[in-house]
Amino acid sequence: MPVKFLKIDFFKLTGIIFLGGVLFLIIFLLFLPNYTKIKELREEYQTLSEKIEETREEINSLKVQLNSIDKDSFYLEKVAREDLGVSRDNEIVIKIEE
């Protein structure tokens, strides 16, 4: 059985490879800026999601503090003294700065 050789036109093959490369380059240049923008937006989304979670935790903490102030008179006095600088009638307040 004789072996058949394929006749391949070198110039056609080179042209097809060249056109394929140009097409790939055009597609690459069109979609690369969008890909980088999508990547930046995903990173920003991740950062904002983390901030949202931190804010939710802070809100829950503040709700617990608010409930404590409503129910516990000692905690209310502590907050008034430490945060607001309120003192009793016969007390002298001395602030020590570090």
PDB file of N, CA and C in Angstrom:
ATOM      1  N   MET A   1       0.839  -1.165   0.000  1.00  0.00           N
ATOM      2  CA  MET A   1       0.000   0.000   0.000  1.00  0.00           C
ATOM      3  C   MET A   1       0.891   1.237   0.000  1.00  0.00           C
ATOM      4  N   PRO A   2       0.732   2.037  -0.987  1.00  0.00           N
ATOM      5  CA  PRO A   2       1.593   3.220  -1.055  1.00  0.00           C
ATOM      6  C   PRO A   2       1.135   4.299  -0.071  1.00  0.00           C
ATOM      7  N   VAL A   3       2.082   5.051   0.394  1.00  0.00           N
ATOM      8  CA  VAL A   3       1.813   6.147   1.330  1.00  0.00           C
ATOM      9  C   VAL A   3       1.473   7.379   0.526  1.00  0.00           C
ATOM     10  N   LYS A   4       0.378   8.052   0.942  1.00  0.00           N
ATOM     11  CA  LYS A   4      -0.032   9.264   0.254  1.00  0.00           C
ATOM     12  C   LYS A   4       0.472  10.460   1.048  1.00  0.00           C
ATOM     13  N   PHE A   5       1.046  11.360   0.385  1.00  0.00           N
ATOM     14  CA  PHE A   5       1.510  12.591   1.015  1.00  0.00           C
ATOM     15  C   PHE A   5       0.467  13.679   0.797  1.00  0.00           C
ATOM     16  N   LEU A   6       0.228  14.437   1.844  1.00  0.00           N
ATOM     17  CA  LEU A   6      -0.713  15.543   1.721  1.00  0.00           C
ATOM     18  C   LEU A   6      -0.006  16.715   1.082  1.00  0.00           C
ATOM     19  N   LYS A   7      -0.676  17.313   0.157  1.00  0.00           N
ATOM     20  CA  LYS A   7      -0.114  18.513  -0.439  1.00  0.00           C
ATOM     21  C   LYS A   7      -0.616  19.708   0.356  1.00  0.00           C
ATOM     22  N   ILE A   8       0.263  20.346   1.062  1.00  0.00           N
ATOM     23  CA  ILE A   8      -0.074  21.507   1.877  1.00  0.00           C
ATOM     24  C   ILE A   8       0.599  22.711   1.258  1.00  0.00           C
ATOM     25  N   ASP A   9      -0.221  23.697   0.974  1.00  0.00           N
ATOM     26  CA  ASP A   9       0.315  24.932   0.412  1.00  0.00           C
ATOM     27  C   ASP A   9       0.896  25.755   1.565  1.00  0.00           C
ATOM     28  N   PHE A  10       2.175  25.994   1.527  1.00  0.00           N
ATOM     29  CA  PHE A  10       2.891  26.693   2.601  1.00  0.00           C
ATOM     30  C   PHE A  10       2.338  28.098   2.793  1.00  0.00           C
ATOM     31  N   PHE A  11       2.027  28.788   1.721  1.00  0.00           N
ATOM     32  CA  PHE A  11       1.548  30.171   1.827  1.00  0.00           C
ATOM     33  C   PHE A  11       0.142  30.242   2.420  1.00  0.00           C
ATOM     34  N   LYS A  12      -0.710  29.280   2.089  1.00  0.00           N
ATOM     35  CA  LYS A  12      -2.046  29.239   2.683  1.00  0.00           C
ATOM     36  C   LYS A  12      -1.959  28.973   4.182  1.00  0.00           C
ATOM     37  N   LEU A  13      -1.117  28.033   4.564  1.00  0.00           N
ATOM     38  CA  LEU A  13      -0.945  27.693   5.971  1.00  0.00           C
ATOM     39  C   LEU A  13      -0.394  28.882   6.748  1.00  0.00           C
ATOM     40  N   THR A  14       0.583  29.564   6.174  1.00  0.00           N
ATOM     41  CA  THR A  14       1.154  30.747   6.819  1.00  0.00           C
ATOM     42  C   THR A  14       0.099  31.841   6.943  1.00  0.00           C
ATOM     43  N   GLY A  15      -0.701  32.023   5.930  1.00  0.00           N
ATOM     44  CA  GLY A  15      -1.762  33.031   5.960  1.00  0.00           C
ATOM     45  C   GLY A  15      -2.810  32.716   7.012  1.00  0.00           C
ATOM     46  N   ILE A  16      -3.199  31.450   7.114  1.00  0.00           N
ATOM     47  CA  ILE A  16      -4.190  31.046   8.110  1.00  0.00           C
ATOM     48  C   ILE A  16      -3.639  31.263   9.518  1.00  0.00           C
ATOM     49  N   ILE A  17      -2.391  30.883   9.734  1.00  0.00           N
ATOM     50  CA  ILE A  17      -1.780  31.079  11.049  1.00  0.00           C
ATOM     51  C   ILE A  17      -1.676  32.563  11.372  1.00  0.00           C
ATOM     52  N   PHE A  18      -1.307  33.372  10.383  1.00  0.00           N
ATOM     53  CA  PHE A  18      -1.196  34.820  10.593  1.00  0.00           C
ATOM     54  C   PHE A  18      -2.555  35.434  10.933  1.00  0.00           C
ATOM     55  N   LEU A  19      -3.584  35.058  10.186  1.00  0.00           N
ATOM     56  CA  LEU A  19      -4.927  35.576  10.446  1.00  0.00           C
ATOM     57  C   LEU A  19      -5.443  35.129  11.814  1.00  0.00           C
ATOM     58  N   GLY A  20      -5.149  33.888  12.166  1.00  0.00           N
ATOM     59  CA  GLY A  20      -5.534  33.397  13.493  1.00  0.00           C
ATOM     60  C   GLY A  20      -4.850  34.197  14.602  1.00  0.00           C
ATOM     61  N   GLY A  21      -3.579  34.487  14.413  1.00  0.00           N
ATOM     62  CA  GLY A  21      -2.846  35.281  15.400  1.00  0.00           C
ATOM     63  C   GLY A  21      -3.380  36.695  15.513  1.00  0.00           C
ATOM     64  N   VAL A  22      -3.694  37.294  14.360  1.00  0.00           N
ATOM     65  CA  VAL A  22      -4.258  38.655  14.373  1.00  0.00           C
ATOM     66  C   VAL A  22      -5.623  38.648  15.046  1.00  0.00           C
ATOM     67  N   LEU A  23      -6.449  37.659  14.741  1.00  0.00           N
ATOM     68  CA  LEU A  23      -7.767  37.557  15.362  1.00  0.00           C
ATOM     69  C   LEU A  23      -7.640  37.381  16.877  1.00  0.00           C
ATOM     70  N   PHE A  24      -6.729  36.520  17.297  1.00  0.00           N
ATOM     71  CA  PHE A  24      -6.489  36.327  18.724  1.00  0.00           C
ATOM     72  C   PHE A  24      -6.036  37.620  19.381  1.00  0.00           C
ATOM     73  N   LEU A  25      -5.151  38.351  18.747  1.00  0.00           N
ATOM     74  CA  LEU A  25      -4.654  39.613  19.291  1.00  0.00           C
ATOM     75  C   LEU A  25      -5.766  40.647  19.408  1.00  0.00           C
ATOM     76  N   ILE A  26      -6.622  40.724  18.414  1.00  0.00           N
ATOM     77  CA  ILE A  26      -7.743  41.674  18.458  1.00  0.00           C
ATOM     78  C   ILE A  26      -8.689  41.323  19.611  1.00  0.00           C
ATOM     79  N   ILE A  27      -9.028  40.056  19.717  1.00  0.00           N
ATOM     80  CA  ILE A  27      -9.920  39.620  20.808  1.00  0.00           C
ATOM     81  C   ILE A  27      -9.269  39.892  22.156  1.00  0.00           C
ATOM     82  N   PHE A  28      -7.991  39.609  22.276  1.00  0.00           N
ATOM     83  CA  PHE A  28      -7.264  39.834  23.521  1.00  0.00           C
ATOM     84  C   PHE A  28      -7.278  41.309  23.904  1.00  0.00           C
ATOM     85  N   LEU A  29      -7.024  42.175  22.934  1.00  0.00           N
ATOM     86  CA  LEU A  29      -6.991  43.622  23.215  1.00  0.00           C
ATOM     87  C   LEU A  29      -8.375  44.180  23.524  1.00  0.00           C
ATOM     88  N   LEU A  30      -9.416  43.583  22.965  1.00  0.00           N
ATOM     89  CA  LEU A  30     -10.767  44.053  23.253  1.00  0.00           C
ATOM     90  C   LEU A  30     -11.233  43.640  24.645  1.00  0.00           C
ATOM     91  N   PHE A  31     -10.873  42.444  25.088  1.00  0.00           N
ATOM     92  CA  PHE A  31     -11.399  41.928  26.344  1.00  0.00           C
ATOM     93  C   PHE A  31     -10.471  42.132  27.537  1.00  0.00           C
ATOM     94  N   LEU A  32      -9.221  42.454  27.342  1.00  0.00           N
ATOM     95  CA  LEU A  32      -8.303  42.642  28.465  1.00  0.00           C
ATOM     96  C   LEU A  32      -8.713  43.801  29.372  1.00  0.00           C
ATOM     97  N   PRO A  33      -9.058  44.972  28.835  1.00  0.00           N
ATOM     98  CA  PRO A  33      -9.480  46.058  29.743  1.00  0.00           C
ATOM     99  C   PRO A  33     -10.722  45.689  30.563  1.00  0.00           C
ATOM    100  N   ASN A  34     -11.656  44.980  29.948  1.00  0.00           N
ATOM    101  CA  ASN A  34     -12.849  44.566  30.680  1.00  0.00           C
ATOM    102  C   ASN A  34     -12.506  43.560  31.768  1.00  0.00           C
ATOM    103  N   TYR A  35     -11.576  42.671  31.486  1.00  0.00           N
ATOM    104  CA  TYR A  35     -11.164  41.682  32.478  1.00  0.00           C
ATOM    105  C   TYR A  35     -10.531  42.359  33.682  1.00  0.00           C
ATOM    106  N   THR A  36      -9.661  43.337  33.449  1.00  0.00           N
ATOM    107  CA  THR A  36      -9.028  44.029  34.573  1.00  0.00           C
ATOM    108  C   THR A  36     -10.053  44.836  35.358  1.00  0.00           C
ATOM    109  N   LYS A  37     -11.032  45.419  34.675  1.00  0.00           N
ATOM    110  CA  LYS A  37     -12.093  46.174  35.363  1.00  0.00           C
ATOM    111  C   LYS A  37     -12.926  45.236  36.228  1.00  0.00           C
ATOM    112  N   ILE A  38     -13.254  44.069  35.705  1.00  0.00           N
ATOM    113  CA  ILE A  38     -14.016  43.089  36.483  1.00  0.00           C
ATOM    114  C   ILE A  38     -13.226  42.663  37.711  1.00  0.00           C
ATOM    115  N   LYS A  39     -11.941  42.458  37.558  1.00  0.00           N
ATOM    116  CA  LYS A  39     -11.093  42.064  38.691  1.00  0.00           C
ATOM    117  C   LYS A  39     -11.076  43.154  39.753  1.00  0.00           C
ATOM    118  N   GLU A  40     -10.948  44.421  39.342  1.00  0.00           N
ATOM    119  CA  GLU A  40     -10.962  45.535  40.288  1.00  0.00           C
ATOM    120  C   GLU A  40     -12.303  45.626  41.008  1.00  0.00           C
ATOM    121  N   LEU A  41     -13.393  45.427  40.273  1.00  0.00           N
ATOM    122  CA  LEU A  41     -14.716  45.492  40.881  1.00  0.00           C
ATOM    123  C   LEU A  41     -14.942  44.357  41.872  1.00  0.00           C
ATOM    124  N   ARG A  42     -14.411  43.185  41.583  1.00  0.00           N
ATOM    125  CA  ARG A  42     -14.520  42.069  42.535  1.00  0.00           C
ATOM    126  C   ARG A  42     -13.767  42.373  43.821  1.00  0.00           C
ATOM    127  N   GLU A  43     -12.579  42.965  43.706  1.00  0.00           N
ATOM    128  CA  GLU A  43     -11.806  43.330  44.897  1.00  0.00           C
ATOM    129  C   GLU A  43     -12.543  44.396  45.705  1.00  0.00           C
ATOM    130  N   GLU A  44     -13.130  45.371  45.014  1.00  0.00           N
ATOM    131  CA  GLU A  44     -13.890  46.419  45.703  1.00  0.00           C
ATOM    132  C   GLU A  44     -15.121  45.820  46.385  1.00  0.00           C
ATOM    133  N   TYR A  45     -15.773  44.886  45.727  1.00  0.00           N
ATOM    134  CA  TYR A  45     -16.931  44.205  46.316  1.00  0.00           C
ATOM    135  C   TYR A  45     -16.528  43.465  47.581  1.00  0.00           C
ATOM    136  N   GLN A  46     -15.392  42.789  47.541  1.00  0.00           N
ATOM    137  CA  GLN A  46     -14.907  42.058  48.713  1.00  0.00           C
ATOM    138  C   GLN A  46     -14.632  43.015  49.867  1.00  0.00           C
ATOM    139  N   THR A  47     -13.986  44.142  49.573  1.00  0.00           N
ATOM    140  CA  THR A  47     -13.689  45.127  50.605  1.00  0.00           C
ATOM    141  C   THR A  47     -14.972  45.685  51.214  1.00  0.00           C
ATOM    142  N   LEU A  48     -15.929  46.026  50.365  1.00  0.00           N
ATOM    143  CA  LEU A  48     -17.193  46.573  50.858  1.00  0.00           C
ATOM    144  C   LEU A  48     -17.985  45.536  51.649  1.00  0.00           C
ATOM    145  N   SER A  49     -17.916  44.287  51.243  1.00  0.00           N
ATOM    146  CA  SER A  49     -18.599  43.226  51.988  1.00  0.00           C
ATOM    147  C   SER A  49     -18.011  43.089  53.387  1.00  0.00           C
ATOM    148  N   GLU A  50     -16.687  43.186  53.489  1.00  0.00           N
ATOM    149  CA  GLU A  50     -16.047  43.118  54.804  1.00  0.00           C
ATOM    150  C   GLU A  50     -16.446  44.311  55.676  1.00  0.00           C
ATOM    151  N   LYS A  51     -16.522  45.504  55.078  1.00  0.00           N
ATOM    152  CA  LYS A  51     -16.943  46.687  55.832  1.00  0.00           C
ATOM    153  C   LYS A  51     -18.388  46.551  56.297  1.00  0.00           C
ATOM    154  N   ILE A  52     -19.236  45.990  55.449  1.00  0.00           N
ATOM    155  CA  ILE A  52     -20.638  45.787  55.829  1.00  0.00           C
ATOM    156  C   ILE A  52     -20.720  44.843  57.019  1.00  0.00           C
ATOM    157  N   GLU A  53     -19.944  43.776  56.984  1.00  0.00           N
ATOM    158  CA  GLU A  53     -19.961  42.813  58.089  1.00  0.00           C
ATOM    159  C   GLU A  53     -19.459  43.462  59.378  1.00  0.00           C
ATOM    160  N   GLU A  54     -18.398  44.262  59.297  1.00  0.00           N
ATOM    161  CA  GLU A  54     -17.897  44.961  60.482  1.00  0.00           C
ATOM    162  C   GLU A  54     -18.947  45.922  61.026  1.00  0.00           C
ATOM    163  N   THR A  55     -19.651  46.611  60.146  1.00  0.00           N
ATOM    164  CA  THR A  55     -20.680  47.555  60.568  1.00  0.00           C
ATOM    165  C   THR A  55     -21.840  46.824  61.228  1.00  0.00           C
ATOM    166  N   ARG A  56     -22.208  45.672  60.704  1.00  0.00           N
ATOM    167  CA  ARG A  56     -23.278  44.880  61.327  1.00  0.00           C
ATOM    168  C   ARG A  56     -22.876  44.452  62.733  1.00  0.00           C
ATOM    169  N   GLU A  57     -21.636  44.020  62.894  1.00  0.00           N
ATOM    170  CA  GLU A  57     -21.165  43.621  64.220  1.00  0.00           C
ATOM    171  C   GLU A  57     -21.178  44.812  65.184  1.00  0.00           C
ATOM    172  N   GLU A  58     -20.788  45.976  64.685  1.00  0.00           N
ATOM    173  CA  GLU A  58     -20.807  47.175  65.519  1.00  0.00           C
ATOM    174  C   GLU A  58     -22.239  47.542  65.911  1.00  0.00           C
ATOM    175  N   ILE A  59     -23.169  47.418  64.978  1.00  0.00           N
ATOM    176  CA  ILE A  59     -24.577  47.699  65.270  1.00  0.00           C
ATOM    177  C   ILE A  59     -25.092  46.754  66.342  1.00  0.00           C
ATOM    178  N   ASN A  60     -24.763  45.472  66.220  1.00  0.00           N
ATOM    179  CA  ASN A  60     -25.201  44.506  67.233  1.00  0.00           C
ATOM    180  C   ASN A  60     -24.611  44.829  68.599  1.00  0.00           C
ATOM    181  N   SER A  61     -23.347  45.224  68.624  1.00  0.00           N
ATOM    182  CA  SER A  61     -22.710  45.603  69.880  1.00  0.00           C
ATOM    183  C   SER A  61     -23.400  46.821  70.496  1.00  0.00           C
ATOM    184  N   LEU A  62     -23.724  47.798  69.667  1.00  0.00           N
ATOM    185  CA  LEU A  62     -24.402  48.990  70.166  1.00  0.00           C
ATOM    186  C   LEU A  62     -25.815  48.672  70.655  1.00  0.00           C
ATOM    187  N   LYS A  63     -26.488  47.727  70.000  1.00  0.00           N
ATOM    188  CA  LYS A  63     -27.817  47.313  70.465  1.00  0.00           C
ATOM    189  C   LYS A  63     -27.726  46.674  71.845  1.00  0.00           C
ATOM    190  N   VAL A  64     -26.693  45.853  72.049  1.00  0.00           N
ATOM    191  CA  VAL A  64     -26.492  45.230  73.360  1.00  0.00           C
ATOM    192  C   VAL A  64     -26.220  46.302  74.415  1.00  0.00           C
ATOM    193  N   GLN A  65     -25.399  47.279  74.077  1.00  0.00           N
ATOM    194  CA  GLN A  65     -25.122  48.363  75.016  1.00  0.00           C
ATOM    195  C   GLN A  65     -26.390  49.149  75.331  1.00  0.00           C
ATOM    196  N   LEU A  66     -27.197  49.419  74.323  1.00  0.00           N
ATOM    197  CA  LEU A  66     -28.440  50.167  74.523  1.00  0.00           C
ATOM    198  C   LEU A  66     -29.379  49.399  75.440  1.00  0.00           C
ATOM    199  N   ASN A  67     -29.491  48.100  75.231  1.00  0.00           N
ATOM    200  CA  ASN A  67     -30.328  47.288  76.114  1.00  0.00           C
ATOM    201  C   ASN A  67     -29.782  47.272  77.540  1.00  0.00           C
ATOM    202  N   SER A  68     -28.466  47.251  77.672  1.00  0.00           N
ATOM    203  CA  SER A  68     -27.857  47.272  79.000  1.00  0.00           C
ATOM    204  C   SER A  68     -28.129  48.593  79.708  1.00  0.00           C
ATOM    205  N   ILE A  69     -28.082  49.686  78.965  1.00  0.00           N
ATOM    206  CA  ILE A  69     -28.347  50.995  79.561  1.00  0.00           C
ATOM    207  C   ILE A  69     -29.796  51.073  80.043  1.00  0.00           C
ATOM    208  N   ASP A  70     -30.718  50.531  79.256  1.00  0.00           N
ATOM    209  CA  ASP A  70     -32.128  50.571  79.638  1.00  0.00           C
ATOM    210  C   ASP A  70     -32.418  49.725  80.873  1.00  0.00           C
ATOM    211  N   LYS A  71     -31.733  48.618  81.017  1.00  0.00           N
ATOM    212  CA  LYS A  71     -32.059  47.670  82.078  1.00  0.00           C
ATOM    213  C   LYS A  71     -31.171  47.794  83.317  1.00  0.00           C
ATOM    214  N   ASP A  72     -29.946  48.250  83.165  1.00  0.00           N
ATOM    215  CA  ASP A  72     -28.984  48.230  84.270  1.00  0.00           C
ATOM    216  C   ASP A  72     -28.609  49.662  84.658  1.00  0.00           C
ATOM    217  N   SER A  73     -29.004  50.080  85.844  1.00  0.00           N
ATOM    218  CA  SER A  73     -28.728  51.453  86.278  1.00  0.00           C
ATOM    219  C   SER A  73     -27.235  51.658  86.575  1.00  0.00           C
ATOM    220  N   PHE A  74     -26.540  50.620  86.993  1.00  0.00           N
ATOM    221  CA  PHE A  74     -25.105  50.749  87.250  1.00  0.00           C
ATOM    222  C   PHE A  74     -24.341  50.982  85.941  1.00  0.00           C
ATOM    223  N   TYR A  75     -24.753  50.282  84.895  1.00  0.00           N
ATOM    224  CA  TYR A  75     -24.122  50.474  83.584  1.00  0.00           C
ATOM    225  C   TYR A  75     -24.418  51.870  83.054  1.00  0.00           C
ATOM    226  N   LEU A  76     -25.628  52.343  83.270  1.00  0.00           N
ATOM    227  CA  LEU A  76     -25.996  53.699  82.860  1.00  0.00           C
ATOM    228  C   LEU A  76     -25.114  54.721  83.561  1.00  0.00           C
ATOM    229  N   GLU A  77     -24.885  54.530  84.854  1.00  0.00           N
ATOM    230  CA  GLU A  77     -24.015  55.439  85.609  1.00  0.00           C
ATOM    231  C   GLU A  77     -22.583  55.370  85.093  1.00  0.00           C
ATOM    232  N   LYS A  78     -22.112  54.181  84.786  1.00  0.00           N
ATOM    233  CA  LYS A  78     -20.751  54.010  84.269  1.00  0.00           C
ATOM    234  C   LYS A  78     -20.582  54.752  82.936  1.00  0.00           C
ATOM    235  N   VAL A  79     -21.541  54.587  82.039  1.00  0.00           N
ATOM    236  CA  VAL A  79     -21.471  55.260  80.743  1.00  0.00           C
ATOM    237  C   VAL A  79     -21.526  56.775  80.928  1.00  0.00           C
ATOM    238  N   ALA A  80     -22.405  57.238  81.802  1.00  0.00           N
ATOM    239  CA  ALA A  80     -22.526  58.680  82.037  1.00  0.00           C
ATOM    240  C   ALA A  80     -21.223  59.248  82.595  1.00  0.00           C
ATOM    241  N   ARG A  81     -20.577  58.521  83.478  1.00  0.00           N
ATOM    242  CA  ARG A  81     -19.331  59.011  84.075  1.00  0.00           C
ATOM    243  C   ARG A  81     -18.169  58.976  83.073  1.00  0.00           C
ATOM    244  N   GLU A  82     -18.012  57.836  82.390  1.00  0.00           N
ATOM    245  CA  GLU A  82     -16.843  57.668  81.526  1.00  0.00           C
ATOM    246  C   GLU A  82     -16.969  58.413  80.195  1.00  0.00           C
ATOM    247  N   ASP A  83     -18.112  58.313  79.572  1.00  0.00           N
ATOM    248  CA  ASP A  83     -18.258  58.889  78.230  1.00  0.00           C
ATOM    249  C   ASP A  83     -18.719  60.342  78.252  1.00  0.00           C
ATOM    250  N   LEU A  84     -19.588  60.680  79.198  1.00  0.00           N
ATOM    251  CA  LEU A  84     -20.165  62.020  79.202  1.00  0.00           C
ATOM    252  C   LEU A  84     -19.535  62.956  80.234  1.00  0.00           C
ATOM    253  N   GLY A  85     -18.748  62.400  81.164  1.00  0.00           N
ATOM    254  CA  GLY A  85     -18.089  63.235  82.168  1.00  0.00           C
ATOM    255  C   GLY A  85     -19.022  63.745  83.250  1.00  0.00           C
ATOM    256  N   VAL A  86     -20.118  63.040  83.484  1.00  0.00           N
ATOM    257  CA  VAL A  86     -21.080  63.438  84.511  1.00  0.00           C
ATOM    258  C   VAL A  86     -20.551  63.002  85.862  1.00  0.00           C
ATOM    259  N   SER A  87     -20.771  63.831  86.863  1.00  0.00           N
ATOM    260  CA  SER A  87     -20.344  63.479  88.222  1.00  0.00           C
ATOM    261  C   SER A  87     -21.501  63.715  89.179  1.00  0.00           C
ATOM    262  N   ARG A  88     -21.358  63.186  90.374  1.00  0.00           N
ATOM    263  CA  ARG A  88     -22.362  63.419  91.415  1.00  0.00           C
ATOM    264  C   ARG A  88     -22.158  64.812  92.005  1.00  0.00           C
ATOM    265  N   ASP A  89     -23.085  65.245  92.846  1.00  0.00           N
ATOM    266  CA  ASP A  89     -23.052  66.605  93.390  1.00  0.00           C
ATOM    267  C   ASP A  89     -21.808  66.877  94.227  1.00  0.00           C
ATOM    268  N   ASN A  90     -21.387  65.951  95.052  1.00  0.00           N
ATOM    269  CA  ASN A  90     -20.282  66.177  95.982  1.00  0.00           C
ATOM    270  C   ASN A  90     -18.937  65.693  95.454  1.00  0.00           C
ATOM    271  N   GLU A  91     -18.853  65.295  94.213  1.00  0.00           N
ATOM    272  CA  GLU A  91     -17.610  64.754  93.665  1.00  0.00           C
ATOM    273  C   GLU A  91     -16.826  65.837  92.929  1.00  0.00           C
ATOM    274  N   ILE A  92     -15.515  65.657  92.936  1.00  0.00           N
ATOM    275  CA  ILE A  92     -14.620  66.519  92.157  1.00  0.00           C
ATOM    276  C   ILE A  92     -14.003  65.646  91.078  1.00  0.00           C
ATOM    277  N   VAL A  93     -14.124  66.072  89.846  1.00  0.00           N
ATOM    278  CA  VAL A  93     -13.621  65.293  88.716  1.00  0.00           C
ATOM    279  C   VAL A  93     -12.213  65.779  88.375  1.00  0.00           C
ATOM    280  N   ILE A  94     -11.295  64.824  88.335  1.00  0.00           N
ATOM    281  CA  ILE A  94      -9.908  65.118  87.951  1.00  0.00           C
ATOM    282  C   ILE A  94      -9.594  64.303  86.707  1.00  0.00           C
ATOM    283  N   LYS A  95      -9.244  64.998  85.633  1.00  0.00           N
ATOM    284  CA  LYS A  95      -8.904  64.294  84.392  1.00  0.00           C
ATOM    285  C   LYS A  95      -7.384  64.168  84.309  1.00  0.00           C
ATOM    286  N   ILE A  96      -6.934  62.949  84.114  1.00  0.00           N
ATOM    287  CA  ILE A  96      -5.503  62.666  83.978  1.00  0.00           C
ATOM    288  C   ILE A  96      -5.256  62.280  82.539  1.00  0.00           C
ATOM    289  N   GLU A  97      -4.453  63.067  81.862  1.00  0.00           N
ATOM    290  CA  GLU A  97      -4.125  62.763  80.480  1.00  0.00           C
ATOM    291  C   GLU A  97      -2.816  62.006  80.426  1.00  0.00           C
ATOM    292  N   GLU A  98      -2.780  61.007  79.594  1.00  0.00           N
ATOM    293  CA  GLU A  98      -1.575  60.189  79.484  1.00  0.00           C
ATOM    294  C   GLU A  98      -0.711  60.646  78.352  1.00  0.00           C
TER     295      GLU A  98
END
